[in-house]
Amino acid sequence: MRTSYGSGGIVTAVEGPVVHPAADGREYPHFTIVYVPADCFGRHTKRDRNWINECVAVHGRILKLLEANSDEVFVEPMEAARP
């Protein structure tokens, strides 16, 4: 996966959904993407993990929960590792 702001890597987990209660009483479910940089995948440690929090799925896109944030996450296929 990669982001619109230049980070990315291999997704190792998706956590959630978690519900964000807004001040207006509405509830907004969102999730967290956990990933490690592609260059250290397979030999990564806990210190290599990164999180993208407050993600929402909108019409096939992965965006941030708050409208004022234009960040987007893109899922990209990758070649399978050779044995």
N, C-alpha and C. Protein backbone atom coordinates (compact mmCIF):
# COMPACT_ATOMS: atom_id res chain seq x y z
N MET A 1 0.83 -1.16 0.00
CA MET A 1 0.00 0.00 0.00
C MET A 1 0.88 1.23 0.00
N ARG A 2 0.30 2.33 -0.43
CA ARG A 2 1.02 3.60 -0.38
C ARG A 2 0.02 4.68 -0.04
N THR A 3 0.54 5.81 0.40
CA THR A 3 -0.33 6.92 0.77
C THR A 3 -0.13 8.09 -0.18
N SER A 4 -1.06 9.00 -0.16
CA SER A 4 -0.95 10.20 -0.99
C SER A 4 0.14 11.14 -0.49
N TYR A 5 0.67 10.89 0.71
CA TYR A 5 1.71 11.77 1.26
C TYR A 5 3.08 11.11 1.31
N GLY A 6 3.26 9.99 0.56
CA GLY A 6 4.58 9.45 0.34
C GLY A 6 5.05 8.31 1.22
N SER A 7 4.23 7.80 2.12
CA SER A 7 4.65 6.65 2.91
C SER A 7 4.01 5.40 2.33
N GLY A 8 4.40 4.24 2.84
CA GLY A 8 3.80 3.01 2.36
C GLY A 8 4.61 1.81 2.77
N GLY A 9 4.09 0.64 2.44
CA GLY A 9 4.75 -0.59 2.79
C GLY A 9 3.81 -1.77 2.66
N ILE A 10 4.08 -2.80 3.46
CA ILE A 10 3.32 -4.05 3.44
C ILE A 10 2.37 -4.05 4.64
N VAL A 11 1.09 -4.22 4.39
CA VAL A 11 0.09 -4.24 5.47
C VAL A 11 0.24 -5.54 6.25
N THR A 12 0.34 -5.42 7.57
CA THR A 12 0.44 -6.60 8.43
C THR A 12 -0.82 -6.83 9.25
N ALA A 13 -1.67 -5.81 9.37
CA ALA A 13 -2.91 -5.95 10.12
C ALA A 13 -3.84 -4.78 9.81
N VAL A 14 -5.12 -5.05 10.00
CA VAL A 14 -6.14 -4.00 9.96
C VAL A 14 -6.92 -4.14 11.25
N GLU A 15 -6.95 -3.09 12.05
CA GLU A 15 -7.60 -3.13 13.36
C GLU A 15 -8.88 -2.31 13.33
N GLY A 16 -9.91 -2.83 13.96
CA GLY A 16 -11.16 -2.10 14.05
C GLY A 16 -12.29 -2.95 13.52
N PRO A 17 -13.44 -2.38 13.35
CA PRO A 17 -13.70 -0.95 13.43
C PRO A 17 -13.84 -0.45 14.87
N VAL A 18 -13.58 0.83 15.01
CA VAL A 18 -13.77 1.56 16.25
C VAL A 18 -14.76 2.67 15.92
N VAL A 19 -15.60 3.03 16.85
CA VAL A 19 -16.61 4.05 16.59
C VAL A 19 -16.20 5.36 17.25
N HIS A 20 -16.20 6.43 16.45
CA HIS A 20 -15.91 7.78 16.95
C HIS A 20 -17.24 8.50 17.17
N PRO A 21 -17.56 8.83 18.43
CA PRO A 21 -18.80 9.58 18.68
C PRO A 21 -18.55 11.07 18.45
N ALA A 22 -19.28 11.66 17.53
CA ALA A 22 -19.10 13.08 17.22
C ALA A 22 -19.91 13.95 18.18
N ALA A 23 -19.58 15.22 18.21
CA ALA A 23 -20.26 16.16 19.10
C ALA A 23 -21.75 16.28 18.78
N ASP A 24 -22.11 16.02 17.51
CA ASP A 24 -23.51 16.12 17.12
C ASP A 24 -24.31 14.85 17.43
N GLY A 25 -23.67 13.88 18.07
CA GLY A 25 -24.35 12.65 18.45
C GLY A 25 -24.24 11.52 17.44
N ARG A 26 -23.74 11.82 16.24
CA ARG A 26 -23.58 10.76 15.24
C ARG A 26 -22.33 9.93 15.56
N GLU A 27 -22.34 8.69 15.09
CA GLU A 27 -21.20 7.80 15.30
C GLU A 27 -20.55 7.48 13.96
N TYR A 28 -19.21 7.49 13.95
CA TYR A 28 -18.46 7.26 12.72
C TYR A 28 -17.50 6.09 12.93
N PRO A 29 -17.76 4.94 12.28
CA PRO A 29 -16.83 3.82 12.39
C PRO A 29 -15.57 4.09 11.56
N HIS A 30 -14.43 3.69 12.09
CA HIS A 30 -13.17 3.84 11.37
C HIS A 30 -12.25 2.70 11.76
N PHE A 31 -11.14 2.57 11.05
CA PHE A 31 -10.20 1.48 11.32
C PHE A 31 -8.77 1.98 11.20
N THR A 32 -7.84 1.14 11.63
CA THR A 32 -6.42 1.45 11.60
C THR A 32 -5.71 0.44 10.71
N ILE A 33 -4.81 0.92 9.87
CA ILE A 33 -3.97 0.06 9.04
C ILE A 33 -2.58 0.02 9.67
N VAL A 34 -2.07 -1.18 9.90
CA VAL A 34 -0.72 -1.37 10.44
C VAL A 34 0.15 -1.90 9.30
N TYR A 35 1.31 -1.28 9.11
CA TYR A 35 2.18 -1.72 8.01
C TYR A 35 3.64 -1.58 8.40
N VAL A 36 4.49 -2.26 7.65
CA VAL A 36 5.94 -2.13 7.80
C VAL A 36 6.51 -1.74 6.44
N PRO A 37 7.63 -1.02 6.42
CA PRO A 37 8.25 -0.67 5.14
C PRO A 37 8.60 -1.93 4.34
N ALA A 38 8.39 -1.89 3.05
CA ALA A 38 8.61 -3.06 2.20
C ALA A 38 10.04 -3.58 2.27
N ASP A 39 11.01 -2.68 2.44
CA ASP A 39 12.41 -3.11 2.43
C ASP A 39 12.82 -3.91 3.66
N CYS A 40 12.00 -3.92 4.71
CA CYS A 40 12.36 -4.71 5.89
C CYS A 40 11.32 -5.79 6.20
N PHE A 41 10.33 -5.96 5.33
CA PHE A 41 9.31 -6.98 5.56
C PHE A 41 9.95 -8.37 5.57
N GLY A 42 9.54 -9.19 6.52
CA GLY A 42 10.08 -10.54 6.65
C GLY A 42 11.17 -10.62 7.69
N ARG A 43 11.79 -9.50 7.98
CA ARG A 43 12.79 -9.45 9.06
C ARG A 43 12.52 -8.25 9.96
N HIS A 44 11.28 -7.77 9.91
CA HIS A 44 10.89 -6.59 10.68
C HIS A 44 10.67 -6.93 12.15
N THR A 45 10.78 -5.92 12.98
CA THR A 45 10.51 -6.05 14.41
C THR A 45 9.36 -5.11 14.76
N LYS A 46 8.97 -5.13 16.02
CA LYS A 46 7.89 -4.24 16.47
C LYS A 46 8.23 -2.77 16.21
N ARG A 47 9.50 -2.44 16.25
CA ARG A 47 9.92 -1.04 16.05
C ARG A 47 9.72 -0.57 14.61
N ASP A 48 9.54 -1.49 13.68
CA ASP A 48 9.36 -1.13 12.28
C ASP A 48 7.90 -0.86 11.92
N ARG A 49 6.98 -1.15 12.85
CA ARG A 49 5.56 -0.99 12.55
C ARG A 49 5.16 0.48 12.47
N ASN A 50 4.24 0.76 11.57
CA ASN A 50 3.66 2.09 11.39
C ASN A 50 2.15 1.94 11.40
N TRP A 51 1.45 2.99 11.80
CA TRP A 51 0.00 2.96 11.88
C TRP A 51 -0.58 4.13 11.10
N ILE A 52 -1.68 3.84 10.40
CA ILE A 52 -2.48 4.90 9.78
C ILE A 52 -3.84 4.80 10.46
N ASN A 53 -4.13 5.76 11.30
CA ASN A 53 -5.34 5.73 12.12
C ASN A 53 -6.49 6.48 11.47
N GLU A 54 -7.69 6.21 11.97
CA GLU A 54 -8.92 6.91 11.56
C GLU A 54 -9.17 6.82 10.06
N CYS A 55 -9.04 5.62 9.51
CA CYS A 55 -9.34 5.37 8.10
C CYS A 55 -10.81 5.02 7.93
N VAL A 56 -11.38 5.46 6.82
CA VAL A 56 -12.76 5.12 6.48
C VAL A 56 -12.81 4.70 5.01
N ALA A 57 -13.71 3.78 4.70
CA ALA A 57 -13.91 3.36 3.31
C ALA A 57 -15.06 4.17 2.73
N VAL A 58 -14.80 4.86 1.62
CA VAL A 58 -15.81 5.70 0.98
C VAL A 58 -15.81 5.42 -0.52
N HIS A 59 -16.85 4.78 -1.01
CA HIS A 59 -17.00 4.50 -2.44
C HIS A 59 -15.75 3.87 -3.04
N GLY A 60 -15.21 2.85 -2.37
CA GLY A 60 -14.05 2.14 -2.89
C GLY A 60 -12.72 2.80 -2.62
N ARG A 61 -12.71 3.89 -1.88
CA ARG A 61 -11.47 4.59 -1.54
C ARG A 61 -11.23 4.48 -0.04
N ILE A 62 -9.98 4.58 0.38
CA ILE A 62 -9.64 4.62 1.80
C ILE A 62 -9.17 6.03 2.12
N LEU A 63 -9.97 6.73 2.92
CA LEU A 63 -9.72 8.13 3.26
C LEU A 63 -9.59 8.28 4.76
N LYS A 64 -9.25 9.47 5.20
CA LYS A 64 -9.20 9.78 6.63
C LYS A 64 -10.58 10.20 7.10
N LEU A 65 -10.86 10.00 8.38
CA LEU A 65 -12.18 10.26 8.95
C LEU A 65 -12.62 11.71 8.80
N LEU A 66 -11.74 12.64 9.03
CA LEU A 66 -12.12 14.05 9.01
C LEU A 66 -12.10 14.60 7.59
N GLU A 67 -13.15 15.29 7.20
CA GLU A 67 -13.28 15.82 5.84
C GLU A 67 -12.16 16.79 5.46
N ALA A 68 -11.64 17.52 6.42
CA ALA A 68 -10.61 18.51 6.14
C ALA A 68 -9.27 17.86 5.79
N ASN A 69 -9.16 16.55 5.96
CA ASN A 69 -7.92 15.84 5.68
C ASN A 69 -8.07 15.14 4.32
N SER A 70 -7.23 15.49 3.37
CA SER A 70 -7.34 14.93 2.02
C SER A 70 -6.44 13.71 1.80
N ASP A 71 -5.83 13.17 2.86
CA ASP A 71 -4.96 12.00 2.72
C ASP A 71 -5.75 10.80 2.21
N GLU A 72 -5.09 9.98 1.41
CA GLU A 72 -5.73 8.78 0.88
C GLU A 72 -4.73 7.63 0.89
N VAL A 73 -5.24 6.42 1.10
CA VAL A 73 -4.43 5.21 1.09
C VAL A 73 -4.79 4.42 -0.17
N PHE A 74 -3.78 3.95 -0.89
CA PHE A 74 -3.99 3.20 -2.12
C PHE A 74 -3.49 1.78 -1.92
N VAL A 75 -4.31 0.81 -2.25
CA VAL A 75 -3.92 -0.60 -2.18
C VAL A 75 -3.34 -0.97 -3.53
N GLU A 76 -2.12 -1.49 -3.52
CA GLU A 76 -1.46 -1.83 -4.77
C GLU A 76 -1.02 -3.28 -4.72
N PRO A 77 -1.28 -4.02 -5.77
CA PRO A 77 -0.83 -5.42 -5.80
C PRO A 77 0.68 -5.48 -5.87
N MET A 78 1.20 -6.57 -5.36
CA MET A 78 2.65 -6.76 -5.46
C MET A 78 2.93 -8.18 -5.91
N GLU A 79 4.08 -8.36 -6.46
CA GLU A 79 4.46 -9.69 -6.94
C GLU A 79 4.71 -10.60 -5.76
N ALA A 80 4.28 -11.83 -5.87
CA ALA A 80 4.51 -12.80 -4.79
C ALA A 80 6.00 -13.09 -4.68
N ALA A 81 6.43 -13.35 -3.46
CA ALA A 81 7.84 -13.67 -3.23
C ALA A 81 8.16 -15.01 -3.88
N ARG A 82 9.33 -15.09 -4.43
CA ARG A 82 9.75 -16.35 -5.06
C ARG A 82 10.36 -17.26 -4.00
N PRO A 83 10.08 -18.57 -4.10
CA PRO A 83 10.63 -19.50 -3.09
C PRO A 83 12.12 -19.63 -3.15
